[in-house]
């Protein structure tokens, strides 16, 4: 995988995860009717967006640790919830793993 493809793949997965989390907690399957404060879980994902877009290696490094929080939430909710919320949890797992794979691919291509 080239560094360019890995960078764009990571960016697409990150932005898709942001949109998924916002839609999930506001419209699709919120914890409370009408939306919930859980939508704030997207805030940590907003910090690395421009660093990922610019290809900053350090941003890729620290976000590989951050993304595991979203993976863990996705696994938990896919396992414990029912219906649409469980499917959204599974999608969160897939996007988290896609981001992680692309980030690791980018880091390996850009070794110092």
C-alpha atoms as a PDB file:
ATOM      1  CA  UNK A   1       0.000   0.000   0.000  1.00  0.00           C
ATOM      2  CA  UNK A   2       1.455   3.368  -0.949  1.00  0.00           C
ATOM      3  CA  UNK A   3       1.621   6.194   1.571  1.00  0.00           C
ATOM      4  CA  UNK A   4      -0.756   8.303  -0.525  1.00  0.00           C
ATOM      5  CA  UNK A   5      -3.433   5.607  -0.667  1.00  0.00           C
ATOM      6  CA  UNK A   6      -3.004   4.879   3.054  1.00  0.00           C
ATOM      7  CA  UNK A   7      -3.330   8.574   3.917  1.00  0.00           C
ATOM      8  CA  UNK A   8      -6.519   9.000   1.907  1.00  0.00           C
ATOM      9  CA  UNK A   9      -7.949   5.729   3.192  1.00  0.00           C
ATOM     10  CA  UNK A  10      -7.330   6.825   6.774  1.00  0.00           C
ATOM     11  CA  UNK A  11      -8.892  10.223   6.104  1.00  0.00           C
ATOM     12  CA  UNK A  12     -11.995   8.691   4.509  1.00  0.00           C
ATOM     13  CA  UNK A  13     -12.402   6.199   7.370  1.00  0.00           C
ATOM     14  CA  UNK A  14     -11.966   8.967   9.963  1.00  0.00           C
ATOM     15  CA  UNK A  15     -14.500  11.296   8.322  1.00  0.00           C
ATOM     16  CA  UNK A  16     -16.942   8.401   7.854  1.00  0.00           C
ATOM     17  CA  UNK A  17     -16.556   7.540  11.550  1.00  0.00           C
ATOM     18  CA  UNK A  18     -17.256  11.161  12.496  1.00  0.00           C
ATOM     19  CA  UNK A  19     -20.426  11.247  10.393  1.00  0.00           C
ATOM     20  CA  UNK A  20     -21.510   7.833  11.707  1.00  0.00           C
ATOM     21  CA  UNK A  21     -21.120   8.893  15.346  1.00  0.00           C
ATOM     22  CA  UNK A  22     -23.022  12.150  14.826  1.00  0.00           C
ATOM     23  CA  UNK A  23     -25.862  10.516  12.895  1.00  0.00           C
ATOM     24  CA  UNK A  24     -26.031   7.603  15.316  1.00  0.00           C
ATOM     25  CA  UNK A  25     -26.378   9.723  18.437  1.00  0.00           C
ATOM     26  CA  UNK A  26     -28.623  12.433  16.976  1.00  0.00           C
ATOM     27  CA  UNK A  27     -30.922  10.710  14.473  1.00  0.00           C
ATOM     28  CA  UNK A  28     -30.494   6.999  13.811  1.00  0.00           C
ATOM     29  CA  UNK A  29     -30.458   5.299  17.227  1.00  0.00           C
ATOM     30  CA  UNK A  30     -29.818   7.776  20.058  1.00  0.00           C
ATOM     31  CA  UNK A  31     -29.738   6.612  23.653  1.00  0.00           C
ATOM     32  CA  UNK A  32     -32.583   9.036  24.422  1.00  0.00           C
ATOM     33  CA  UNK A  33     -35.327  10.116  22.010  1.00  0.00           C
ATOM     34  CA  UNK A  34     -34.435  13.370  20.285  1.00  0.00           C
ATOM     35  CA  UNK A  35     -30.683  12.867  20.553  1.00  0.00           C
ATOM     36  CA  UNK A  36     -28.239  12.555  23.405  1.00  0.00           C
ATOM     37  CA  UNK A  37     -25.112  14.147  24.781  1.00  0.00           C
ATOM     38  CA  UNK A  38     -23.234  11.058  23.597  1.00  0.00           C
ATOM     39  CA  UNK A  39     -22.756  12.948  20.344  1.00  0.00           C
ATOM     40  CA  UNK A  40     -19.843  14.660  22.114  1.00  0.00           C
ATOM     41  CA  UNK A  41     -17.856  11.448  21.666  1.00  0.00           C
ATOM     42  CA  UNK A  42     -17.046  12.769  18.201  1.00  0.00           C
ATOM     43  CA  UNK A  43     -15.008  15.725  19.538  1.00  0.00           C
ATOM     44  CA  UNK A  44     -11.713  13.793  19.954  1.00  0.00           C
ATOM     45  CA  UNK A  45     -12.021  12.654  16.336  1.00  0.00           C
ATOM     46  CA  UNK A  46     -12.118  16.245  15.110  1.00  0.00           C
ATOM     47  CA  UNK A  47      -8.640  17.107  16.407  1.00  0.00           C
ATOM     48  CA  UNK A  48      -6.624  14.909  14.018  1.00  0.00           C
ATOM     49  CA  UNK A  49      -8.590  15.627  10.810  1.00  0.00           C
ATOM     50  CA  UNK A  50      -6.225  18.268   9.397  1.00  0.00           C
ATOM     51  CA  UNK A  51      -3.086  16.452  10.551  1.00  0.00           C
ATOM     52  CA  UNK A  52      -4.266  13.331   8.735  1.00  0.00           C
ATOM     53  CA  UNK A  53      -5.141  15.342   5.643  1.00  0.00           C
ATOM     54  CA  UNK A  54      -1.681  16.938   5.645  1.00  0.00           C
ATOM     55  CA  UNK A  55       0.057  13.599   6.175  1.00  0.00           C
ATOM     56  CA  UNK A  56       1.666  14.360   9.542  1.00  0.00           C
ATOM     57  CA  UNK A  57       3.271  11.168  10.776  1.00  0.00           C
ATOM     58  CA  UNK A  58       2.939  12.090  14.457  1.00  0.00           C
ATOM     59  CA  UNK A  59      -0.829  12.534  14.067  1.00  0.00           C
ATOM     60  CA  UNK A  60      -1.090   9.071  12.561  1.00  0.00           C
ATOM     61  CA  UNK A  61       0.916   7.651  15.454  1.00  0.00           C
ATOM     62  CA  UNK A  62      -1.180   9.025  18.303  1.00  0.00           C
ATOM     63  CA  UNK A  63      -4.491   8.378  16.576  1.00  0.00           C
ATOM     64  CA  UNK A  64      -3.715   4.672  16.329  1.00  0.00           C
ATOM     65  CA  UNK A  65      -4.130   4.680  20.116  1.00  0.00           C
ATOM     66  CA  UNK A  66      -7.233   6.888  20.100  1.00  0.00           C
ATOM     67  CA  UNK A  67      -9.092   4.775  17.563  1.00  0.00           C
ATOM     68  CA  UNK A  68      -9.173   1.777  19.925  1.00  0.00           C
ATOM     69  CA  UNK A  69     -11.665   3.641  22.138  1.00  0.00           C
ATOM     70  CA  UNK A  70     -14.116   3.721  19.235  1.00  0.00           C
ATOM     71  CA  UNK A  71     -13.376   0.099  18.400  1.00  0.00           C
ATOM     72  CA  UNK A  72     -14.146  -0.891  22.009  1.00  0.00           C
ATOM     73  CA  UNK A  73     -17.383   1.100  22.017  1.00  0.00           C
ATOM     74  CA  UNK A  74     -18.428  -0.458  18.714  1.00  0.00           C
ATOM     75  CA  UNK A  75     -17.761  -3.991  19.956  1.00  0.00           C
ATOM     76  CA  UNK A  76     -19.618  -3.317  23.204  1.00  0.00           C
ATOM     77  CA  UNK A  77     -22.654  -1.845  21.502  1.00  0.00           C
ATOM     78  CA  UNK A  78     -22.699  -4.437  18.706  1.00  0.00           C
ATOM     79  CA  UNK A  79     -22.710  -7.148  21.375  1.00  0.00           C
ATOM     80  CA  UNK A  80     -25.111  -5.616  23.898  1.00  0.00           C
ATOM     81  CA  UNK A  81     -27.562  -3.535  21.846  1.00  0.00           C
ATOM     82  CA  UNK A  82     -30.305  -4.758  19.555  1.00  0.00           C
ATOM     83  CA  UNK A  83     -31.486  -3.800  16.092  1.00  0.00           C
ATOM     84  CA  UNK A  84     -30.092  -0.763  14.304  1.00  0.00           C
ATOM     85  CA  UNK A  85     -27.843   0.233  17.194  1.00  0.00           C
ATOM     86  CA  UNK A  86     -26.079  -3.142  17.055  1.00  0.00           C
ATOM     87  CA  UNK A  87     -25.534  -2.810  13.302  1.00  0.00           C
ATOM     88  CA  UNK A  88     -24.178   0.709  13.766  1.00  0.00           C
ATOM     89  CA  UNK A  89     -21.819  -0.652  16.415  1.00  0.00           C
ATOM     90  CA  UNK A  90     -20.565  -3.232  13.930  1.00  0.00           C
ATOM     91  CA  UNK A  91     -20.050  -0.489  11.348  1.00  0.00           C
ATOM     92  CA  UNK A  92     -18.087   1.510  13.927  1.00  0.00           C
ATOM     93  CA  UNK A  93     -15.843  -1.530  14.425  1.00  0.00           C
ATOM     94  CA  UNK A  94     -15.265  -1.847  10.674  1.00  0.00           C
ATOM     95  CA  UNK A  95     -14.441   1.854  10.267  1.00  0.00           C
ATOM     96  CA  UNK A  96     -12.114   1.781  13.280  1.00  0.00           C
ATOM     97  CA  UNK A  97     -10.227  -1.208  11.903  1.00  0.00           C
ATOM     98  CA  UNK A  98     -10.055   0.359   8.439  1.00  0.00           C
ATOM     99  CA  UNK A  99      -8.607   3.542   9.938  1.00  0.00           C
ATOM    100  CA  UNK A 100      -6.090   1.577  12.000  1.00  0.00           C
ATOM    101  CA  UNK A 101      -4.939  -0.482   9.008  1.00  0.00           C
ATOM    102  CA  UNK A 102      -4.511   2.602   6.823  1.00  0.00           C
ATOM    103  CA  UNK A 103      -2.723   4.527   9.579  1.00  0.00           C
ATOM    104  CA  UNK A 104      -0.288   1.678  10.182  1.00  0.00           C
ATOM    105  CA  UNK A 105       0.281   1.400   6.425  1.00  0.00           C
ATOM    106  CA  UNK A 106       1.070   5.114   6.241  1.00  0.00           C
ATOM    107  CA  UNK A 107       3.403   4.989   9.245  1.00  0.00           C
ATOM    108  CA  UNK A 108       5.320   2.043   7.784  1.00  0.00           C
ATOM    109  CA  UNK A 109       5.728   3.828   4.452  1.00  0.00           C
ATOM    110  CA  UNK A 110       6.961   7.001   6.175  1.00  0.00           C
ATOM    111  CA  UNK A 111       9.497   5.478   8.569  1.00  0.00           C
ATOM    112  CA  UNK A 112      12.278   7.860   9.549  1.00  0.00           C
END
